[in-house]
C-alpha atoms as a PDB file:
ATOM      1  CA  MET A   1      -5.193   2.710  25.132  1.00  0.00           C
ATOM      2  CA  SER A   2      -3.769  -0.546  23.770  1.00  0.00           C
ATOM      3  CA  ILE A   3      -0.851  -0.622  21.349  1.00  0.00           C
ATOM      4  CA  TYR A   4      -3.301  -1.726  18.648  1.00  0.00           C
ATOM      5  CA  GLU A   5      -5.487   1.312  19.277  1.00  0.00           C
ATOM      6  CA  GLU A   6      -2.410   3.556  19.147  1.00  0.00           C
ATOM      7  CA  ILE A   7      -1.249   2.088  15.850  1.00  0.00           C
ATOM      8  CA  PHE A   8      -4.751   2.279  14.396  1.00  0.00           C
ATOM      9  CA  ALA A   9      -4.950   5.956  15.415  1.00  0.00           C
ATOM     10  CA  VAL A  10      -1.714   6.613  13.498  1.00  0.00           C
ATOM     11  CA  ILE A  11      -3.079   4.744  10.474  1.00  0.00           C
ATOM     12  CA  LYS A  12      -6.290   6.810  10.605  1.00  0.00           C
ATOM     13  CA  ALA A  13      -4.269  10.038  10.884  1.00  0.00           C
ATOM     14  CA  ARG A  14      -2.218   9.065   7.852  1.00  0.00           C
ATOM     15  CA  GLN A  15      -5.395   8.175   5.979  1.00  0.00           C
ATOM     16  CA  GLU A  16      -6.819  11.617   6.765  1.00  0.00           C
ATOM     17  CA  ALA A  17      -3.562  13.304   5.690  1.00  0.00           C
ATOM     18  CA  TYR A  18      -3.681  11.315   2.432  1.00  0.00           C
ATOM     19  CA  LYS A  19      -7.285  12.414   1.811  1.00  0.00           C
ATOM     20  CA  ASN A  20      -6.354  16.058   2.516  1.00  0.00           C
ATOM     21  CA  GLY A  21      -3.296  15.931   0.284  1.00  0.00           C
ATOM     22  CA  THR A  22      -0.962  16.540   3.207  1.00  0.00           C
ATOM     23  CA  ALA A  23       0.529  13.063   3.500  1.00  0.00           C
ATOM     24  CA  GLN A  24       4.165  12.941   4.523  1.00  0.00           C
ATOM     25  CA  GLU A  25       6.348  12.169   1.534  1.00  0.00           C
ATOM     26  CA  GLY A  26       7.470   8.559   1.582  1.00  0.00           C
ATOM     27  CA  SER A  27       4.623   7.429   3.855  1.00  0.00           C
ATOM     28  CA  TYR A  28       4.042   3.744   3.173  1.00  0.00           C
ATOM     29  CA  THR A  29       0.589   3.936   4.739  1.00  0.00           C
ATOM     30  CA  ALA A  30      -0.403   6.807   2.431  1.00  0.00           C
ATOM     31  CA  TYR A  31       0.977   4.800  -0.504  1.00  0.00           C
ATOM     32  CA  LEU A  32      -1.308   1.898   0.406  1.00  0.00           C
ATOM     33  CA  PHE A  33      -4.352   4.182   0.642  1.00  0.00           C
ATOM     34  CA  ASP A  34      -3.417   5.677  -2.721  1.00  0.00           C
ATOM     35  CA  LYS A  35      -3.219   2.253  -4.379  1.00  0.00           C
ATOM     36  CA  GLY A  36      -6.546   1.161  -2.898  1.00  0.00           C
ATOM     37  CA  VAL A  37      -8.223  -1.982  -1.712  1.00  0.00           C
ATOM     38  CA  ASP A  38      -6.683  -4.317  -4.307  1.00  0.00           C
ATOM     39  CA  LYS A  39      -3.120  -3.452  -3.261  1.00  0.00           C
ATOM     40  CA  ILE A  40      -4.009  -3.571   0.429  1.00  0.00           C
ATOM     41  CA  CYS A  41      -5.657  -6.996   0.029  1.00  0.00           C
ATOM     42  CA  LYS A  42      -2.627  -8.231  -1.911  1.00  0.00           C
ATOM     43  CA  LYS A  43      -0.367  -7.164   0.966  1.00  0.00           C
ATOM     44  CA  VAL A  44      -2.634  -8.864   3.527  1.00  0.00           C
ATOM     45  CA  GLY A  45      -2.392 -12.066   1.494  1.00  0.00           C
ATOM     46  CA  GLU A  46       1.382 -11.806   1.149  1.00  0.00           C
ATOM     47  CA  GLU A  47       1.854 -11.202   4.857  1.00  0.00           C
ATOM     48  CA  ALA A  48      -0.489 -14.072   5.747  1.00  0.00           C
ATOM     49  CA  THR A  49       1.558 -16.391   3.546  1.00  0.00           C
ATOM     50  CA  GLU A  50       4.820 -15.170   5.062  1.00  0.00           C
ATOM     51  CA  THR A  51       3.349 -15.747   8.532  1.00  0.00           C
ATOM     52  CA  VAL A  52       2.484 -19.337   7.634  1.00  0.00           C
ATOM     53  CA  ILE A  53       5.952 -19.949   6.179  1.00  0.00           C
ATOM     54  CA  ALA A  54       7.672 -18.582   9.288  1.00  0.00           C
ATOM     55  CA  ALA A  55       5.505 -20.813  11.483  1.00  0.00           C
ATOM     56  CA  LYS A  56       6.181 -23.886   9.338  1.00  0.00           C
ATOM     57  CA  ASN A  57       9.909 -23.118   9.466  1.00  0.00           C
ATOM     58  CA  GLY A  58       9.755 -22.993  13.263  1.00  0.00           C
ATOM     59  CA  ASP A  59      11.348 -19.542  13.267  1.00  0.00           C
ATOM     60  CA  ASN A  60       9.615 -17.705  16.115  1.00  0.00           C
ATOM     61  CA  ASP A  61      11.759 -14.584  15.703  1.00  0.00           C
ATOM     62  CA  GLU A  62      10.596 -14.295  12.110  1.00  0.00           C
ATOM     63  CA  LEU A  63       7.070 -15.370  13.055  1.00  0.00           C
ATOM     64  CA  LYS A  64       6.521 -12.532  15.526  1.00  0.00           C
ATOM     65  CA  ASN A  65       7.695 -10.043  12.902  1.00  0.00           C
ATOM     66  CA  GLU A  66       5.423 -11.498  10.234  1.00  0.00           C
ATOM     67  CA  ILE A  67       2.434 -11.507  12.609  1.00  0.00           C
ATOM     68  CA  ASN A  68       3.019  -7.807  13.226  1.00  0.00           C
ATOM     69  CA  ASP A  69       3.303  -7.105   9.497  1.00  0.00           C
ATOM     70  CA  LEU A  70       0.032  -8.990   8.973  1.00  0.00           C
ATOM     71  CA  LEU A  71      -1.747  -7.108  11.763  1.00  0.00           C
ATOM     72  CA  TYR A  72      -0.559  -3.753  10.389  1.00  0.00           C
ATOM     73  CA  HIS A  73      -1.880  -4.525   6.911  1.00  0.00           C
ATOM     74  CA  VAL A  74      -5.175  -5.830   8.342  1.00  0.00           C
ATOM     75  CA  MET A  75      -5.506  -2.531  10.223  1.00  0.00           C
ATOM     76  CA  VAL A  76      -4.896  -0.559   7.033  1.00  0.00           C
ATOM     77  CA  LEU A  77      -7.537  -2.706   5.321  1.00  0.00           C
ATOM     78  CA  ALA A  78     -10.015  -2.039   8.151  1.00  0.00           C
ATOM     79  CA  ALA A  79      -9.396   1.720   7.932  1.00  0.00           C
ATOM     80  CA  ASN A  80      -9.695   1.673   4.162  1.00  0.00           C
ATOM     81  CA  GLN A  81     -13.034  -0.099   4.406  1.00  0.00           C
ATOM     82  CA  GLY A  82     -14.375   2.317   6.999  1.00  0.00           C
ATOM     83  CA  LEU A  83     -14.160   0.002  10.001  1.00  0.00           C
ATOM     84  CA  ASP A  84     -13.025   1.326  13.321  1.00  0.00           C
ATOM     85  CA  TRP A  85     -10.644  -0.879  15.279  1.00  0.00           C
ATOM     86  CA  SER A  86     -13.070  -0.831  18.206  1.00  0.00           C
ATOM     87  CA  GLU A  87     -15.561  -2.688  15.983  1.00  0.00           C
ATOM     88  CA  VAL A  88     -13.006  -5.434  15.378  1.00  0.00           C
ATOM     89  CA  GLU A  89     -12.202  -5.618  19.087  1.00  0.00           C
ATOM     90  CA  GLN A  90     -15.922  -5.790  19.932  1.00  0.00           C
ATOM     91  CA  VAL A  91     -16.348  -8.901  17.801  1.00  0.00           C
ATOM     92  CA  LEU A  92     -13.339 -10.454  19.514  1.00  0.00           C
ATOM     93  CA  ALA A  93     -14.797  -9.595  22.927  1.00  0.00           C
ATOM     94  CA  GLU A  94     -18.128 -11.164  21.964  1.00  0.00           C
ATOM     95  CA  ARG A  95     -16.380 -14.304  20.763  1.00  0.00           C
ATOM     96  CA  ASN A  96     -14.339 -14.414  23.945  1.00  0.00           C
ATOM     97  CA  GLU A  97     -17.572 -14.686  25.914  1.00  0.00           C
ATOM     98  CA  LYS A  98     -18.403 -17.847  23.975  1.00  0.00           C
ATOM     99  CA  ILE A  99     -15.094 -19.615  24.684  1.00  0.00           C
ATOM    100  CA  GLY A 100     -15.725 -23.152  25.762  1.00  0.00           C
ATOM    101  CA  ASN A 101     -18.947 -23.524  23.845  1.00  0.00           C
ATOM    102  CA  LEU A 102     -18.629 -26.413  21.412  1.00  0.00           C
ATOM    103  CA  LYS A 103     -19.517 -25.308  17.933  1.00  0.00           C
ATOM    104  CA  GLN A 104     -21.488 -27.752  15.857  1.00  0.00           C
ATOM    105  CA  PHE A 105     -19.916 -28.228  12.466  1.00  0.00           C
ATOM    106  CA  HIS A 106     -21.839 -29.631   9.575  1.00  0.00           C
ATOM    107  CA  THR A 107     -20.271 -32.468   7.680  1.00  0.00           C
ATOM    108  CA  VAL A 108     -20.106 -32.608   3.945  1.00  0.00           C
ATOM    109  CA  ASP A 109     -20.401 -35.906   2.139  1.00  0.00           C
ATOM    110  CA  LYS A 110     -17.716 -35.593  -0.486  1.00  0.00           C
ATOM    111  CA  ASN A 111     -19.053 -38.639  -2.331  1.00  0.00           C
ATOM    112  CA  THR A 112     -22.234 -36.884  -3.428  1.00  0.00           C
END
């Protein structure tokens, strides 16, 4: 089991505890599930922005922390929306098989 699968399993357990009314007091994950998709999406956006800022500042210590914060919130979003982490990993695996294939991008004429 990968670390991502382990973390996702904890997130799912906390989601289930929240649904059953047995969430541990002070659980940030339960708080996010309680607030719903809007709050979770807001946190994903905030963490994405903080990740970009850390990268632009050239601060790799901060960057690795922000990437982890972003991944955590993306996992909470996936759980909230009923996705299993294995579904996310499957898409990544499928894309990995296509590495090296040049994608054709369409061009947009901005003058029209």
